[in-house]
Amino acid sequence: MRFFLFLFFGIFVGLYLSWPGLVIPENWKCFNQIIAKSAEDKISLKAALEISPSYFLKAKNKKTTSKVRIVADACFR
């Protein structure tokens, strides 16, 4: 039981250190808006500016984790 407590605490602290805005509800609205707009093939300027040029030059297959990282960087930092 103590192991799971430390595990979840470590995950939360790690996420909070990388994305400090994770606990602010306003940032979650931004996250949900970008996800909804990307489903309609419209992307916000804020999310587009967060994408590094090397992202476009690398492999053709974009993994889901890299997509979530870009959207999270746009909203939670």
C-alpha atoms as a PDB file:
ATOM      1  CA  MET A   1       0.000   0.000   0.000  1.00  0.00           C
ATOM      2  CA  ARG A   2       2.819   2.373   0.856  1.00  0.00           C
ATOM      3  CA  PHE A   3       4.417   1.596  -2.519  1.00  0.00           C
ATOM      4  CA  PHE A   4       1.323   2.836  -4.391  1.00  0.00           C
ATOM      5  CA  LEU A   5       1.207   5.976  -2.268  1.00  0.00           C
ATOM      6  CA  PHE A   6       4.797   6.799  -3.187  1.00  0.00           C
ATOM      7  CA  LEU A   7       4.180   5.875  -6.806  1.00  0.00           C
ATOM      8  CA  PHE A   8       1.172   8.193  -7.209  1.00  0.00           C
ATOM      9  CA  PHE A   9       2.890  10.961  -5.262  1.00  0.00           C
ATOM     10  CA  GLY A  10       5.943  10.673  -7.513  1.00  0.00           C
ATOM     11  CA  ILE A  11       3.829  10.753 -10.669  1.00  0.00           C
ATOM     12  CA  PHE A  12       1.936  13.822  -9.461  1.00  0.00           C
ATOM     13  CA  VAL A  13       5.100  15.691  -8.440  1.00  0.00           C
ATOM     14  CA  GLY A  14       6.774  14.837 -11.742  1.00  0.00           C
ATOM     15  CA  LEU A  15       3.805  16.080 -13.755  1.00  0.00           C
ATOM     16  CA  TYR A  16       3.508  19.217 -11.625  1.00  0.00           C
ATOM     17  CA  LEU A  17       7.189  20.057 -12.082  1.00  0.00           C
ATOM     18  CA  SER A  18       6.982  19.705 -15.853  1.00  0.00           C
ATOM     19  CA  TRP A  19       3.556  21.380 -16.219  1.00  0.00           C
ATOM     20  CA  PRO A  20       2.870  23.698 -13.240  1.00  0.00           C
ATOM     21  CA  GLY A  21      -0.470  24.851 -14.669  1.00  0.00           C
ATOM     22  CA  LEU A  22      -1.858  21.332 -14.453  1.00  0.00           C
ATOM     23  CA  VAL A  23      -4.000  22.110 -11.401  1.00  0.00           C
ATOM     24  CA  ILE A  24      -5.596  25.302 -12.806  1.00  0.00           C
ATOM     25  CA  PRO A  25      -9.096  24.640 -14.240  1.00  0.00           C
ATOM     26  CA  GLU A  26      -8.754  27.439 -16.823  1.00  0.00           C
ATOM     27  CA  ASN A  27      -5.845  25.602 -18.426  1.00  0.00           C
ATOM     28  CA  TRP A  28      -7.959  22.451 -18.748  1.00  0.00           C
ATOM     29  CA  LYS A  29     -10.498  24.490 -20.754  1.00  0.00           C
ATOM     30  CA  CYS A  30      -7.656  25.443 -23.112  1.00  0.00           C
ATOM     31  CA  PHE A  31      -6.647  21.770 -23.370  1.00  0.00           C
ATOM     32  CA  ASN A  32     -10.226  20.701 -24.177  1.00  0.00           C
ATOM     33  CA  GLN A  33     -10.645  23.479 -26.771  1.00  0.00           C
ATOM     34  CA  ILE A  34      -7.480  22.471 -28.626  1.00  0.00           C
ATOM     35  CA  ILE A  35      -8.564  18.817 -28.620  1.00  0.00           C
ATOM     36  CA  ALA A  36     -12.033  19.756 -29.934  1.00  0.00           C
ATOM     37  CA  LYS A  37     -10.613  22.012 -32.653  1.00  0.00           C
ATOM     38  CA  SER A  38      -8.108  19.402 -33.740  1.00  0.00           C
ATOM     39  CA  ALA A  39     -10.967  16.962 -34.267  1.00  0.00           C
ATOM     40  CA  GLU A  40     -12.398  19.486 -36.755  1.00  0.00           C
ATOM     41  CA  ASP A  41      -8.939  19.917 -38.359  1.00  0.00           C
ATOM     42  CA  LYS A  42      -8.645  23.469 -37.025  1.00  0.00           C
ATOM     43  CA  ILE A  43      -5.646  24.196 -34.824  1.00  0.00           C
ATOM     44  CA  SER A  44      -5.155  27.243 -32.641  1.00  0.00           C
ATOM     45  CA  LEU A  45      -2.244  29.594 -33.221  1.00  0.00           C
ATOM     46  CA  LYS A  46      -1.041  29.013 -29.668  1.00  0.00           C
ATOM     47  CA  ALA A  47      -0.722  25.275 -30.240  1.00  0.00           C
ATOM     48  CA  ALA A  48       0.879  25.776 -33.654  1.00  0.00           C
ATOM     49  CA  LEU A  49       3.596  28.004 -32.195  1.00  0.00           C
ATOM     50  CA  GLU A  50       4.447  25.381 -29.563  1.00  0.00           C
ATOM     51  CA  ILE A  51       5.438  22.849 -32.225  1.00  0.00           C
ATOM     52  CA  SER A  52       9.158  22.744 -32.880  1.00  0.00           C
ATOM     53  CA  PRO A  53      10.385  22.617 -36.492  1.00  0.00           C
ATOM     54  CA  SER A  54      12.214  19.362 -35.802  1.00  0.00           C
ATOM     55  CA  TYR A  55       8.818  17.761 -35.082  1.00  0.00           C
ATOM     56  CA  PHE A  56       7.841  18.237 -38.731  1.00  0.00           C
ATOM     57  CA  LEU A  57      11.201  17.030 -40.061  1.00  0.00           C
ATOM     58  CA  LYS A  58      11.269  13.759 -38.106  1.00  0.00           C
ATOM     59  CA  ALA A  59       9.409  10.503 -38.722  1.00  0.00           C
ATOM     60  CA  LYS A  60       6.142  10.366 -40.602  1.00  0.00           C
ATOM     61  CA  ASN A  61       4.230   8.535 -37.870  1.00  0.00           C
ATOM     62  CA  LYS A  62       3.423  10.866 -35.003  1.00  0.00           C
ATOM     63  CA  LYS A  63       2.777   9.009 -31.781  1.00  0.00           C
ATOM     64  CA  THR A  64      -0.099   9.893 -29.492  1.00  0.00           C
ATOM     65  CA  THR A  65       2.260  10.710 -26.639  1.00  0.00           C
ATOM     66  CA  SER A  66       4.056  13.361 -28.665  1.00  0.00           C
ATOM     67  CA  LYS A  67       0.734  14.922 -29.666  1.00  0.00           C
ATOM     68  CA  VAL A  68      -0.421  15.070 -26.038  1.00  0.00           C
ATOM     69  CA  ARG A  69       2.922  16.572 -25.008  1.00  0.00           C
ATOM     70  CA  ILE A  70       2.582  19.394 -27.529  1.00  0.00           C
ATOM     71  CA  VAL A  71      -0.974  20.243 -26.464  1.00  0.00           C
ATOM     72  CA  ALA A  72      -0.039  20.038 -22.778  1.00  0.00           C
ATOM     73  CA  ASP A  73       2.964  22.319 -23.332  1.00  0.00           C
ATOM     74  CA  ALA A  74       0.681  24.842 -25.039  1.00  0.00           C
ATOM     75  CA  CYS A  75      -1.808  24.957 -22.174  1.00  0.00           C
ATOM     76  CA  PHE A  76      -0.096  23.980 -18.942  1.00  0.00           C
ATOM     77  CA  ARG A  77       3.160  25.950 -19.120  1.00  0.00           C
END
